[in-house]
Amino acid sequence: MVSRLLLEETDERYCFLLRHGVVHYIETETNTIFVELKQIPNTWIVYRRPSQRVLSPEKVLLEQRGLKHIPLLEGEEKVKLLSLARNEIYKIENLVSMPSLMHLDLSENLLTEIVFSPTITAGL
């Protein structure tokens, strides 16, 4: 499947991640990739094909994927709604690259810790 995607896709970042990352999962319906780079161990990167981002630029649904942590979402600066419901996430982190995020659904996870970047404050 990776070979086919490399032939079909023209997005440089998508192809870079396929070539240089450890591909953990590829969603067959959307060809969204879940990869890990050796430079960032133990952190998955989720990258949607540009054609998928155009169809739903403000919403990403990653429900029930067995995720242990919030992945880095590359190219998703316009996302306003992120649903990570029904996963196994224990820590809120890796959201700094999402400046437009307004709604985060982490229901039915295993949350025990929140990690804020120095510029983000809790609205509790």
PDB file of N, CA and C in Angstrom:
ATOM      1  N   MET A   1       0.826  -1.197   0.000  1.00  0.00           N
ATOM      2  CA  MET A   1       0.000   0.000   0.000  1.00  0.00           C
ATOM      3  C   MET A   1       0.867   1.256   0.000  1.00  0.00           C
ATOM      4  N   VAL A   2       1.986   1.233   0.750  1.00  0.00           N
ATOM      5  CA  VAL A   2       2.870   2.393   0.811  1.00  0.00           C
ATOM      6  C   VAL A   2       3.392   2.729  -0.580  1.00  0.00           C
ATOM      7  N   SER A   3       3.787   1.730  -1.332  1.00  0.00           N
ATOM      8  CA  SER A   3       4.301   1.953  -2.694  1.00  0.00           C
ATOM      9  C   SER A   3       3.248   2.620  -3.570  1.00  0.00           C
ATOM     10  N   ARG A   4       2.022   2.167  -3.461  1.00  0.00           N
ATOM     11  CA  ARG A   4       0.934   2.754  -4.254  1.00  0.00           C
ATOM     12  C   ARG A   4       0.712   4.210  -3.880  1.00  0.00           C
ATOM     13  N   LEU A   5       0.705   4.498  -2.587  1.00  0.00           N
ATOM     14  CA  LEU A   5       0.506   5.872  -2.133  1.00  0.00           C
ATOM     15  C   LEU A   5       1.633   6.783  -2.598  1.00  0.00           C
ATOM     16  N   LEU A   6       2.852   6.287  -2.578  1.00  0.00           N
ATOM     17  CA  LEU A   6       3.988   7.090  -3.038  1.00  0.00           C
ATOM     18  C   LEU A   6       3.865   7.417  -4.523  1.00  0.00           C
ATOM     19  N   LEU A   7       3.297   6.515  -5.297  1.00  0.00           N
ATOM     20  CA  LEU A   7       3.094   6.770  -6.726  1.00  0.00           C
ATOM     21  C   LEU A   7       1.959   7.758  -6.980  1.00  0.00           C
ATOM     22  N   GLU A   8       0.921   7.696  -6.155  1.00  0.00           N
ATOM     23  CA  GLU A   8      -0.272   8.531  -6.353  1.00  0.00           C
ATOM     24  C   GLU A   8      -0.133   9.945  -5.797  1.00  0.00           C
ATOM     25  N   GLU A   9       0.560  10.112  -4.707  1.00  0.00           N
ATOM     26  CA  GLU A   9       0.554  11.374  -3.964  1.00  0.00           C
ATOM     27  C   GLU A   9       1.682  12.301  -4.417  1.00  0.00           C
ATOM     28  N   THR A  10       1.348  13.584  -4.521  1.00  0.00           N
ATOM     29  CA  THR A  10       2.347  14.592  -4.889  1.00  0.00           C
ATOM     30  C   THR A  10       2.765  15.465  -3.710  1.00  0.00           C
ATOM     31  N   ASP A  11       2.052  15.377  -2.594  1.00  0.00           N
ATOM     32  CA  ASP A  11       2.388  16.180  -1.418  1.00  0.00           C
ATOM     33  C   ASP A  11       3.740  15.715  -0.852  1.00  0.00           C
ATOM     34  N   GLU A  12       4.700  16.631  -0.788  1.00  0.00           N
ATOM     35  CA  GLU A  12       6.061  16.282  -0.365  1.00  0.00           C
ATOM     36  C   GLU A  12       6.126  15.778   1.069  1.00  0.00           C
ATOM     37  N   ARG A  13       5.397  16.407   1.982  1.00  0.00           N
ATOM     38  CA  ARG A  13       5.453  15.988   3.389  1.00  0.00           C
ATOM     39  C   ARG A  13       4.854  14.590   3.557  1.00  0.00           C
ATOM     40  N   TYR A  14       3.761  14.328   2.903  1.00  0.00           N
ATOM     41  CA  TYR A  14       3.119  13.015   2.952  1.00  0.00           C
ATOM     42  C   TYR A  14       4.102  11.941   2.484  1.00  0.00           C
ATOM     43  N   CYS A  15       4.754  12.185   1.351  1.00  0.00           N
ATOM     44  CA  CYS A  15       5.721  11.222   0.806  1.00  0.00           C
ATOM     45  C   CYS A  15       6.945  11.080   1.708  1.00  0.00           C
ATOM     46  N   PHE A  16       7.399  12.186   2.282  1.00  0.00           N
ATOM     47  CA  PHE A  16       8.539  12.125   3.209  1.00  0.00           C
ATOM     48  C   PHE A  16       8.218  11.217   4.398  1.00  0.00           C
ATOM     49  N   LEU A  17       7.041  11.417   4.976  1.00  0.00           N
ATOM     50  CA  LEU A  17       6.658  10.601   6.130  1.00  0.00           C
ATOM     51  C   LEU A  17       6.532   9.124   5.756  1.00  0.00           C
ATOM     52  N   LEU A  18       6.016   8.843   4.582  1.00  0.00           N
ATOM     53  CA  LEU A  18       5.914   7.446   4.139  1.00  0.00           C
ATOM     54  C   LEU A  18       7.287   6.822   3.938  1.00  0.00           C
ATOM     55  N   ARG A  19       8.220   7.595   3.384  1.00  0.00           N
ATOM     56  CA  ARG A  19       9.553   7.068   3.090  1.00  0.00           C
ATOM     57  C   ARG A  19      10.427   6.919   4.331  1.00  0.00           C
ATOM     58  N   HIS A  20      10.340   7.885   5.243  1.00  0.00           N
ATOM     59  CA  HIS A  20      11.292   7.957   6.349  1.00  0.00           C
ATOM     60  C   HIS A  20      10.703   7.602   7.713  1.00  0.00           C
ATOM     61  N   GLY A  21       9.410   7.446   7.787  1.00  0.00           N
ATOM     62  CA  GLY A  21       8.793   7.122   9.056  1.00  0.00           C
ATOM     63  C   GLY A  21       8.491   5.643   9.187  1.00  0.00           C
ATOM     64  N   VAL A  22       8.259   5.241  10.406  1.00  0.00           N
ATOM     65  CA  VAL A  22       7.760   3.893  10.662  1.00  0.00           C
ATOM     66  C   VAL A  22       6.240   3.998  10.568  1.00  0.00           C
ATOM     67  N   VAL A  23       5.675   3.382   9.555  1.00  0.00           N
ATOM     68  CA  VAL A  23       4.235   3.458   9.334  1.00  0.00           C
ATOM     69  C   VAL A  23       3.556   2.459  10.265  1.00  0.00           C
ATOM     70  N   HIS A  24       2.763   2.987  11.202  1.00  0.00           N
ATOM     71  CA  HIS A  24       2.052   2.123  12.137  1.00  0.00           C
ATOM     72  C   HIS A  24       0.681   1.727  11.597  1.00  0.00           C
ATOM     73  N   TYR A  25       0.085   2.642  10.804  1.00  0.00           N
ATOM     74  CA  TYR A  25      -1.286   2.389  10.377  1.00  0.00           C
ATOM     75  C   TYR A  25      -1.602   3.316   9.205  1.00  0.00           C
ATOM     76  N   ILE A  26      -2.356   2.832   8.253  1.00  0.00           N
ATOM     77  CA  ILE A  26      -2.885   3.647   7.161  1.00  0.00           C
ATOM     78  C   ILE A  26      -4.378   3.376   7.082  1.00  0.00           C
ATOM     79  N   GLU A  27      -5.176   4.426   7.230  1.00  0.00           N
ATOM     80  CA  GLU A  27      -6.621   4.246   7.118  1.00  0.00           C
ATOM     81  C   GLU A  27      -6.978   4.027   5.653  1.00  0.00           C
ATOM     82  N   THR A  28      -7.635   2.940   5.371  1.00  0.00           N
ATOM     83  CA  THR A  28      -7.916   2.586   3.986  1.00  0.00           C
ATOM     84  C   THR A  28      -8.894   3.553   3.315  1.00  0.00           C
ATOM     85  N   GLU A  29      -9.861   4.063   4.046  1.00  0.00           N
ATOM     86  CA  GLU A  29     -10.865   4.940   3.445  1.00  0.00           C
ATOM     87  C   GLU A  29     -10.302   6.308   3.086  1.00  0.00           C
ATOM     88  N   THR A  30      -9.458   6.877   3.949  1.00  0.00           N
ATOM     89  CA  THR A  30      -8.963   8.243   3.739  1.00  0.00           C
ATOM     90  C   THR A  30      -7.475   8.311   3.407  1.00  0.00           C
ATOM     91  N   ASN A  31      -6.761   7.200   3.564  1.00  0.00           N
ATOM     92  CA  ASN A  31      -5.313   7.151   3.395  1.00  0.00           C
ATOM     93  C   ASN A  31      -4.581   8.079   4.362  1.00  0.00           C
ATOM     94  N   THR A  32      -5.209   8.342   5.489  1.00  0.00           N
ATOM     95  CA  THR A  32      -4.534   9.068   6.562  1.00  0.00           C
ATOM     96  C   THR A  32      -3.458   8.152   7.115  1.00  0.00           C
ATOM     97  N   ILE A  33      -2.260   8.708   7.317  1.00  0.00           N
ATOM     98  CA  ILE A  33      -1.162   7.879   7.800  1.00  0.00           C
ATOM     99  C   ILE A  33      -0.842   8.190   9.262  1.00  0.00           C
ATOM    100  N   PHE A  34      -0.464   7.167   9.988  1.00  0.00           N
ATOM    101  CA  PHE A  34      -0.039   7.237  11.373  1.00  0.00           C
ATOM    102  C   PHE A  34       1.398   6.733  11.382  1.00  0.00           C
ATOM    103  N   VAL A  35       2.358   7.645  11.558  1.00  0.00           N
ATOM    104  CA  VAL A  35       3.774   7.280  11.458  1.00  0.00           C
ATOM    105  C   VAL A  35       4.548   7.773  12.669  1.00  0.00           C
ATOM    106  N   GLU A  36       5.729   7.238  12.816  1.00  0.00           N
ATOM    107  CA  GLU A  36       6.644   7.652  13.881  1.00  0.00           C
ATOM    108  C   GLU A  36       8.005   7.891  13.244  1.00  0.00           C
ATOM    109  N   LEU A  37       8.604   9.035  13.532  1.00  0.00           N
ATOM    110  CA  LEU A  37       9.937   9.341  13.037  1.00  0.00           C
ATOM    111  C   LEU A  37      10.966   9.017  14.104  1.00  0.00           C
ATOM    112  N   LYS A  38      12.134   8.543  13.688  1.00  0.00           N
ATOM    113  CA  LYS A  38      13.164   8.202  14.668  1.00  0.00           C
ATOM    114  C   LYS A  38      13.639   9.432  15.437  1.00  0.00           C
ATOM    115  N   GLN A  39      13.474  10.634  14.852  1.00  0.00           N
ATOM    116  CA  GLN A  39      13.855  11.868  15.536  1.00  0.00           C
ATOM    117  C   GLN A  39      12.898  12.215  16.679  1.00  0.00           C
ATOM    118  N   ILE A  40      11.690  11.682  16.633  1.00  0.00           N
ATOM    119  CA  ILE A  40      10.678  11.928  17.663  1.00  0.00           C
ATOM    120  C   ILE A  40      10.142  10.571  18.115  1.00  0.00           C
ATOM    121  N   PRO A  41      10.921   9.818  18.852  1.00  0.00           N
ATOM    122  CA  PRO A  41      10.477   8.471  19.239  1.00  0.00           C
ATOM    123  C   PRO A  41       9.268   8.495  20.173  1.00  0.00           C
ATOM    124  N   ASN A  42       8.459   7.472  20.072  1.00  0.00           N
ATOM    125  CA  ASN A  42       7.281   7.273  20.927  1.00  0.00           C
ATOM    126  C   ASN A  42       6.199   8.331  20.737  1.00  0.00           C
ATOM    127  N   THR A  43       6.249   9.055  19.629  1.00  0.00           N
ATOM    128  CA  THR A  43       5.212  10.038  19.326  1.00  0.00           C
ATOM    129  C   THR A  43       4.747   9.804  17.896  1.00  0.00           C
ATOM    130  N   TRP A  44       3.484   9.467  17.759  1.00  0.00           N
ATOM    131  CA  TRP A  44       2.941   9.252  16.432  1.00  0.00           C
ATOM    132  C   TRP A  44       2.610  10.584  15.780  1.00  0.00           C
ATOM    133  N   ILE A  45       2.754  10.629  14.470  1.00  0.00           N
ATOM    134  CA  ILE A  45       2.365  11.774  13.662  1.00  0.00           C
ATOM    135  C   ILE A  45       1.207  11.316  12.790  1.00  0.00           C
ATOM    136  N   VAL A  46       0.144  12.104  12.778  1.00  0.00           N
ATOM    137  CA  VAL A  46      -0.999  11.808  11.917  1.00  0.00           C
ATOM    138  C   VAL A  46      -1.002  12.851  10.811  1.00  0.00           C
ATOM    139  N   TYR A  47      -1.047  12.366   9.579  1.00  0.00           N
ATOM    140  CA  TYR A  47      -1.025  13.270   8.425  1.00  0.00           C
ATOM    141  C   TYR A  47      -2.080  12.817   7.429  1.00  0.00           C
ATOM    142  N   ARG A  48      -3.024  13.723   7.187  1.00  0.00           N
ATOM    143  CA  ARG A  48      -4.074  13.428   6.205  1.00  0.00           C
ATOM    144  C   ARG A  48      -3.608  13.883   4.822  1.00  0.00           C
ATOM    145  N   ARG A  49      -3.997  13.150   3.815  1.00  0.00           N
ATOM    146  CA  ARG A  49      -3.706  13.583   2.446  1.00  0.00           C
ATOM    147  C   ARG A  49      -4.344  14.955   2.232  1.00  0.00           C
ATOM    148  N   PRO A  50      -3.706  15.818   1.473  1.00  0.00           N
ATOM    149  CA  PRO A  50      -4.287  17.143   1.215  1.00  0.00           C
ATOM    150  C   PRO A  50      -5.711  17.085   0.680  1.00  0.00           C
ATOM    151  N   SER A  51      -6.024  16.111  -0.145  1.00  0.00           N
ATOM    152  CA  SER A  51      -7.386  15.989  -0.678  1.00  0.00           C
ATOM    153  C   SER A  51      -8.396  15.743   0.438  1.00  0.00           C
ATOM    154  N   GLN A  52      -8.003  15.038   1.486  1.00  0.00           N
ATOM    155  CA  GLN A  52      -8.886  14.803   2.639  1.00  0.00           C
ATOM    156  C   GLN A  52      -9.013  16.054   3.500  1.00  0.00           C
ATOM    157  N   ARG A  53      -7.920  16.795   3.633  1.00  0.00           N
ATOM    158  CA  ARG A  53      -7.949  18.031   4.419  1.00  0.00           C
ATOM    159  C   ARG A  53      -8.893  19.049   3.800  1.00  0.00           C
ATOM    160  N   VAL A  54      -8.945  19.098   2.473  1.00  0.00           N
ATOM    161  CA  VAL A  54      -9.825  20.029   1.771  1.00  0.00           C
ATOM    162  C   VAL A  54     -11.287  19.677   2.040  1.00  0.00           C
ATOM    163  N   LEU A  55     -11.604  18.389   2.107  1.00  0.00           N
ATOM    164  CA  LEU A  55     -12.983  17.958   2.342  1.00  0.00           C
ATOM    165  C   LEU A  55     -13.477  18.306   3.742  1.00  0.00           C
ATOM    166  N   SER A  56     -12.574  18.302   4.715  1.00  0.00           N
ATOM    167  CA  SER A  56     -12.951  18.555   6.105  1.00  0.00           C
ATOM    168  C   SER A  56     -11.829  19.331   6.812  1.00  0.00           C
ATOM    169  N   PRO A  57     -11.652  20.612   6.460  1.00  0.00           N
ATOM    170  CA  PRO A  57     -10.516  21.364   6.998  1.00  0.00           C
ATOM    171  C   PRO A  57     -10.620  21.714   8.482  1.00  0.00           C
ATOM    172  N   GLU A  58     -11.834  21.725   9.020  1.00  0.00           N
ATOM    173  CA  GLU A  58     -12.013  22.168  10.404  1.00  0.00           C
ATOM    174  C   GLU A  58     -12.327  21.045  11.380  1.00  0.00           C
ATOM    175  N   LYS A  59     -12.355  19.805  10.904  1.00  0.00           N
ATOM    176  CA  LYS A  59     -12.755  18.698  11.781  1.00  0.00           C
ATOM    177  C   LYS A  59     -11.878  17.476  11.529  1.00  0.00           C
ATOM    178  N   VAL A  60     -11.357  16.898  12.635  1.00  0.00           N
ATOM    179  CA  VAL A  60     -10.609  15.650  12.564  1.00  0.00           C
ATOM    180  C   VAL A  60     -11.208  14.698  13.599  1.00  0.00           C
ATOM    181  N   LEU A  61     -11.599  13.520  13.142  1.00  0.00           N
ATOM    182  CA  LEU A  61     -12.173  12.507  14.023  1.00  0.00           C
ATOM    183  C   LEU A  61     -11.212  11.323  14.101  1.00  0.00           C
ATOM    184  N   LEU A  62     -10.638  11.116  15.267  1.00  0.00           N
ATOM    185  CA  LEU A  62      -9.715   9.995  15.496  1.00  0.00           C
ATOM    186  C   LEU A  62     -10.226   9.169  16.670  1.00  0.00           C
ATOM    187  N   GLU A  63     -11.475   8.817  16.588  1.00  0.00           N
ATOM    188  CA  GLU A  63     -12.131   8.076  17.658  1.00  0.00           C
ATOM    189  C   GLU A  63     -11.835   6.586  17.546  1.00  0.00           C
ATOM    190  N   GLN A  64     -11.727   5.951  18.677  1.00  0.00           N
ATOM    191  CA  GLN A  64     -11.601   4.494  18.764  1.00  0.00           C
ATOM    192  C   GLN A  64     -10.468   3.949  17.890  1.00  0.00           C
ATOM    193  N   ARG A  65      -9.285   4.556  18.023  1.00  0.00           N
ATOM    194  CA  ARG A  65      -8.125   4.118  17.238  1.00  0.00           C
ATOM    195  C   ARG A  65      -7.085   3.410  18.109  1.00  0.00           C
ATOM    196  N   GLY A  66      -7.355   3.244  19.413  1.00  0.00           N
ATOM    197  CA  GLY A  66      -6.392   2.606  20.298  1.00  0.00           C
ATOM    198  C   GLY A  66      -5.194   3.482  20.597  1.00  0.00           C
ATOM    199  N   LEU A  67      -5.342   4.793  20.407  1.00  0.00           N
ATOM    200  CA  LEU A  67      -4.226   5.717  20.639  1.00  0.00           C
ATOM    201  C   LEU A  67      -3.883   5.800  22.116  1.00  0.00           C
ATOM    202  N   LYS A  68      -2.598   5.716  22.424  1.00  0.00           N
ATOM    203  CA  LYS A  68      -2.114   5.808  23.806  1.00  0.00           C
ATOM    204  C   LYS A  68      -1.777   7.242  24.179  1.00  0.00           C
ATOM    205  N   HIS A  69      -1.543   8.089  23.180  1.00  0.00           N
ATOM    206  CA  HIS A  69      -1.245   9.503  23.415  1.00  0.00           C
ATOM    207  C   HIS A  69      -1.831  10.324  22.267  1.00  0.00           C
ATOM    208  N   ILE A  70      -1.925  11.628  22.478  1.00  0.00           N
ATOM    209  CA  ILE A  70      -2.404  12.508  21.420  1.00  0.00           C
ATOM    210  C   ILE A  70      -1.286  12.635  20.393  1.00  0.00           C
ATOM    211  N   PRO A  71      -1.549  12.273  19.156  1.00  0.00           N
ATOM    212  CA  PRO A  71      -0.502  12.362  18.148  1.00  0.00           C
ATOM    213  C   PRO A  71      -0.265  13.802  17.712  1.00  0.00           C
ATOM    214  N   LEU A  72       0.867  14.038  17.083  1.00  0.00           N
ATOM    215  CA  LEU A  72       1.108  15.320  16.430  1.00  0.00           C
ATOM    216  C   LEU A  72       0.282  15.319  15.155  1.00  0.00           C
ATOM    217  N   LEU A  73      -0.468  16.376  14.941  1.00  0.00           N
ATOM    218  CA  LEU A  73      -1.311  16.479  13.752  1.00  0.00           C
ATOM    219  C   LEU A  73      -0.694  17.526  12.837  1.00  0.00           C
ATOM    220  N   GLU A  74      -0.026  17.076  11.810  1.00  0.00           N
ATOM    221  CA  GLU A  74       0.672  17.984  10.904  1.00  0.00           C
ATOM    222  C   GLU A  74      -0.270  18.519   9.833  1.00  0.00           C
ATOM    223  N   GLY A  75      -0.112  19.806   9.538  1.00  0.00           N
ATOM    224  CA  GLY A  75      -0.904  20.433   8.488  1.00  0.00           C
ATOM    225  C   GLY A  75      -2.341  20.698   8.876  1.00  0.00           C
ATOM    226  N   GLU A  76      -2.633  20.716  10.146  1.00  0.00           N
ATOM    227  CA  GLU A  76      -4.020  20.839  10.611  1.00  0.00           C
ATOM    228  C   GLU A  76      -4.265  22.157  11.368  1.00  0.00           C
ATOM    229  N   GLU A  77      -3.653  23.234  10.906  1.00  0.00           N
ATOM    230  CA  GLU A  77      -3.778  24.526  11.572  1.00  0.00           C
ATOM    231  C   GLU A  77      -5.208  25.077  11.572  1.00  0.00           C
ATOM    232  N   LYS A  78      -6.048  24.640  10.644  1.00  0.00           N
ATOM    233  CA  LYS A  78      -7.424  25.140  10.540  1.00  0.00           C
ATOM    234  C   LYS A  78      -8.423  24.353  11.384  1.00  0.00           C
ATOM    235  N   VAL A  79      -7.990  23.252  11.970  1.00  0.00           N
ATOM    236  CA  VAL A  79      -8.908  22.382  12.711  1.00  0.00           C
ATOM    237  C   VAL A  79      -9.474  23.100  13.932  1.00  0.00           C
ATOM    238  N   LYS A  80     -10.798  23.084  14.020  1.00  0.00           N
ATOM    239  CA  LYS A  80     -11.500  23.663  15.166  1.00  0.00           C
ATOM    240  C   LYS A  80     -12.040  22.574  16.082  1.00  0.00           C
ATOM    241  N   LEU A  81     -12.347  21.408  15.526  1.00  0.00           N
ATOM    242  CA  LEU A  81     -12.896  20.300  16.307  1.00  0.00           C
ATOM    243  C   LEU A  81     -12.007  19.079  16.137  1.00  0.00           C
ATOM    244  N   LEU A  82     -11.533  18.557  17.260  1.00  0.00           N
ATOM    245  CA  LEU A  82     -10.730  17.339  17.270  1.00  0.00           C
ATOM    246  C   LEU A  82     -11.365  16.364  18.242  1.00  0.00           C
ATOM    247  N   SER A  83     -11.766  15.209  17.720  1.00  0.00           N
ATOM    248  CA  SER A  83     -12.342  14.187  18.575  1.00  0.00           C
ATOM    249  C   SER A  83     -11.390  13.005  18.681  1.00  0.00           C
ATOM    250  N   LEU A  84     -10.991  12.732  19.912  1.00  0.00           N
ATOM    251  CA  LEU A  84     -10.128  11.595  20.231  1.00  0.00           C
ATOM    252  C   LEU A  84     -10.842  10.681  21.232  1.00  0.00           C
ATOM    253  N   ALA A  85     -12.147  10.674  21.178  1.00  0.00           N
ATOM    254  CA  ALA A  85     -12.956   9.903  22.121  1.00  0.00           C
ATOM    255  C   ALA A  85     -12.687   8.407  21.988  1.00  0.00           C
ATOM    256  N   ARG A  86     -12.884   7.707  23.089  1.00  0.00           N
ATOM    257  CA  ARG A  86     -12.788   6.241  23.150  1.00  0.00           C
ATOM    258  C   ARG A  86     -11.429   5.705  22.688  1.00  0.00           C
ATOM    259  N   ASN A  87     -10.369   6.302  23.199  1.00  0.00           N
ATOM    260  CA  ASN A  87      -9.013   5.816  22.983  1.00  0.00           C
ATOM    261  C   ASN A  87      -8.438   5.423  24.342  1.00  0.00           C
ATOM    262  N   GLU A  88      -7.136   5.371  24.467  1.00  0.00           N
ATOM    263  CA  GLU A  88      -6.479   5.019  25.724  1.00  0.00           C
ATOM    264  C   GLU A  88      -5.493   6.106  26.137  1.00  0.00           C
ATOM    265  N   ILE A  89      -5.851   7.356  25.840  1.00  0.00           N
ATOM    266  CA  ILE A  89      -4.983   8.509  26.096  1.00  0.00           C
ATOM    267  C   ILE A  89      -4.999   8.836  27.581  1.00  0.00           C
ATOM    268  N   TYR A  90      -3.814   9.003  28.162  1.00  0.00           N
ATOM    269  CA  TYR A  90      -3.711   9.309  29.579  1.00  0.00           C
ATOM    270  C   TYR A  90      -3.198  10.732  29.841  1.00  0.00           C
ATOM    271  N   LYS A  91      -2.672  11.400  28.799  1.00  0.00           N
ATOM    272  CA  LYS A  91      -2.086  12.720  29.003  1.00  0.00           C
ATOM    273  C   LYS A  91      -2.502  13.650  27.856  1.00  0.00           C
ATOM    274  N   ILE A  92      -2.922  14.884  28.203  1.00  0.00           N
ATOM    275  CA  ILE A  92      -3.235  15.886  27.184  1.00  0.00           C
ATOM    276  C   ILE A  92      -1.936  16.607  26.839  1.00  0.00           C
ATOM    277  N   GLU A  93      -1.523  16.463  25.578  1.00  0.00           N
ATOM    278  CA  GLU A  93      -0.273  17.078  25.112  1.00  0.00           C
ATOM    279  C   GLU A  93      -0.318  17.170  23.587  1.00  0.00           C
ATOM    280  N   ASN A  94       0.715  17.737  22.996  1.00  0.00           N
ATOM    281  CA  ASN A  94       0.905  17.810  21.540  1.00  0.00           C
ATOM    282  C   ASN A  94      -0.171  18.601  20.810  1.00  0.00           C
ATOM    283  N   LEU A  95      -0.717  19.627  21.426  1.00  0.00           N
ATOM    284  CA  LEU A  95      -1.746  20.429  20.769  1.00  0.00           C
ATOM    285  C   LEU A  95      -1.241  21.805  20.347  1.00  0.00           C
ATOM    286  N   VAL A  96       0.016  22.080  20.540  1.00  0.00           N
ATOM    287  CA  VAL A  96       0.563  23.406  20.269  1.00  0.00           C
ATOM    288  C   VAL A  96       0.484  23.781  18.781  1.00  0.00           C
ATOM    289  N   SER A  97       0.457  22.821  17.884  1.00  0.00           N
ATOM    290  CA  SER A  97       0.407  23.115  16.446  1.00  0.00           C
ATOM    291  C   SER A  97      -1.018  23.311  15.931  1.00  0.00           C
ATOM    292  N   MET A  98      -1.974  23.487  16.843  1.00  0.00           N
ATOM    293  CA  MET A  98      -3.376  23.626  16.445  1.00  0.00           C
ATOM    294  C   MET A  98      -3.955  24.939  16.990  1.00  0.00           C
ATOM    295  N   PRO A  99      -3.579  26.066  16.413  1.00  0.00           N
ATOM    296  CA  PRO A  99      -4.001  27.361  16.951  1.00  0.00           C
ATOM    297  C   PRO A  99      -5.488  27.646  16.856  1.00  0.00           C
ATOM    298  N   SER A 100      -6.207  26.994  15.970  1.00  0.00           N
ATOM    299  CA  SER A 100      -7.641  27.249  15.784  1.00  0.00           C
ATOM    300  C   SER A 100      -8.537  26.327  16.599  1.00  0.00           C
ATOM    301  N   LEU A 101      -7.948  25.389  17.313  1.00  0.00           N
ATOM    302  CA  LEU A 101      -8.726  24.384  18.041  1.00  0.00           C
ATOM    303  C   LEU A 101      -9.656  25.035  19.067  1.00  0.00           C
ATOM    304  N   MET A 102     -10.951  24.706  18.957  1.00  0.00           N
ATOM    305  CA  MET A 102     -11.952  25.249  19.870  1.00  0.00           C
ATOM    306  C   MET A 102     -12.638  24.151  20.676  1.00  0.00           C
ATOM    307  N   HIS A 103     -12.721  22.947  20.119  1.00  0.00           N
ATOM    308  CA  HIS A 103     -13.422  21.859  20.800  1.00  0.00           C
ATOM    309  C   HIS A 103     -12.565  20.603  20.735  1.00  0.00           C
ATOM    310  N   LEU A 104     -12.279  20.054  21.902  1.00  0.00           N
ATOM    311  CA  LEU A 104     -11.482  18.844  22.017  1.00  0.00           C
ATOM    312  C   LEU A 104     -12.291  17.813  22.784  1.00  0.00           C
ATOM    313  N   ASP A 105     -12.595  16.698  22.134  1.00  0.00           N
ATOM    314  CA  ASP A 105     -13.358  15.629  22.778  1.00  0.00           C
ATOM    315  C   ASP A 105     -12.400  14.512  23.171  1.00  0.00           C
ATOM    316  N   LEU A 106     -12.215  14.356  24.479  1.00  0.00           N
ATOM    317  CA  LEU A 106     -11.382  13.291  25.022  1.00  0.00           C
ATOM    318  C   LEU A 106     -12.196  12.374  25.923  1.00  0.00           C
ATOM    319  N   SER A 107     -13.478  12.292  25.656  1.00  0.00           N
ATOM    320  CA  SER A 107     -14.337  11.445  26.483  1.00  0.00           C
ATOM    321  C   SER A 107     -13.928   9.986  26.344  1.00  0.00           C
ATOM    322  N   GLU A 108     -14.145   9.246  27.407  1.00  0.00           N
ATOM    323  CA  GLU A 108     -13.858   7.811  27.474  1.00  0.00           C
ATOM    324  C   GLU A 108     -12.394   7.479  27.173  1.00  0.00           C
ATOM    325  N   ASN A 109     -11.492   8.228  27.796  1.00  0.00           N
ATOM    326  CA  ASN A 109     -10.063   7.967  27.748  1.00  0.00           C
ATOM    327  C   ASN A 109      -9.578   7.686  29.163  1.00  0.00           C
ATOM    328  N   LEU A 110      -8.298   7.647  29.377  1.00  0.00           N
ATOM    329  CA  LEU A 110      -7.702   7.316  30.673  1.00  0.00           C
ATOM    330  C   LEU A 110      -6.901   8.492  31.227  1.00  0.00           C
ATOM    331  N   LEU A 111      -7.446   9.683  31.137  1.00  0.00           N
ATOM    332  CA  LEU A 111      -6.705  10.901  31.474  1.00  0.00           C
ATOM    333  C   LEU A 111      -6.267  10.956  32.931  1.00  0.00           C
ATOM    334  N   THR A 112      -4.972  11.250  33.111  1.00  0.00           N
ATOM    335  CA  THR A 112      -4.415  11.460  34.451  1.00  0.00           C
ATOM    336  C   THR A 112      -3.519  12.686  34.497  1.00  0.00           C
ATOM    337  N   GLU A 113      -3.172  13.270  33.324  1.00  0.00           N
ATOM    338  CA  GLU A 113      -2.204  14.356  33.300  1.00  0.00           C
ATOM    339  C   GLU A 113      -2.494  15.321  32.153  1.00  0.00           C
ATOM    340  N   ILE A 114      -2.282  16.627  32.423  1.00  0.00           N
ATOM    341  CA  ILE A 114      -2.408  17.662  31.407  1.00  0.00           C
ATOM    342  C   ILE A 114      -1.074  18.387  31.332  1.00  0.00           C
ATOM    343  N   VAL A 115      -0.499  18.467  30.132  1.00  0.00           N
ATOM    344  CA  VAL A 115       0.770  19.152  29.935  1.00  0.00           C
ATOM    345  C   VAL A 115       0.507  20.376  29.065  1.00  0.00           C
ATOM    346  N   PHE A 116       0.744  21.567  29.629  1.00  0.00           N
ATOM    347  CA  PHE A 116       0.544  22.803  28.888  1.00  0.00           C
ATOM    348  C   PHE A 116       1.862  23.341  28.391  1.00  0.00           C
ATOM    349  N   SER A 117       1.821  23.960  27.212  1.00  0.00           N
ATOM    350  CA  SER A 117       3.016  24.659  26.741  1.00  0.00           C
ATOM    351  C   SER A 117       3.066  25.976  27.513  1.00  0.00           C
ATOM    352  N   PRO A 118       4.202  26.675  27.530  1.00  0.00           N
ATOM    353  CA  PRO A 118       4.317  27.915  28.291  1.00  0.00           C
ATOM    354  C   PRO A 118       3.330  28.997  27.868  1.00  0.00           C
ATOM    355  N   THR A 119       2.816  28.945  26.641  1.00  0.00           N
ATOM    356  CA  THR A 119       1.902  29.980  26.157  1.00  0.00           C
ATOM    357  C   THR A 119       0.436  29.629  26.317  1.00  0.00           C
ATOM    358  N   ILE A 120       0.133  28.438  26.797  1.00  0.00           N
ATOM    359  CA  ILE A 120      -1.254  28.005  26.945  1.00  0.00           C
ATOM    360  C   ILE A 120      -1.598  27.945  28.443  1.00  0.00           C
ATOM    361  N   THR A 121      -2.753  28.472  28.772  1.00  0.00           N
ATOM    362  CA  THR A 121      -3.204  28.411  30.166  1.00  0.00           C
ATOM    363  C   THR A 121      -4.519  27.659  30.227  1.00  0.00           C
ATOM    364  N   ALA A 122      -4.758  27.066  31.357  1.00  0.00           N
ATOM    365  CA  ALA A 122      -5.987  26.281  31.530  1.00  0.00           C
ATOM    366  C   ALA A 122      -7.174  27.199  31.737  1.00  0.00           C
ATOM    367  N   GLY A 123      -8.249  26.919  31.055  1.00  0.00           N
ATOM    368  CA  GLY A 123      -9.487  27.654  31.254  1.00  0.00           C
ATOM    369  C   GLY A 123     -10.407  26.890  32.171  1.00  0.00           C
ATOM    370  N   LEU A 124      -9.920  26.528  33.344  1.00  0.00           N
ATOM    371  CA  LEU A 124     -10.709  25.703  34.261  1.00  0.00           C
ATOM    372  C   LEU A 124     -11.438  26.538  35.266  1.00  0.00           C
TER     373      LEU A 124
END
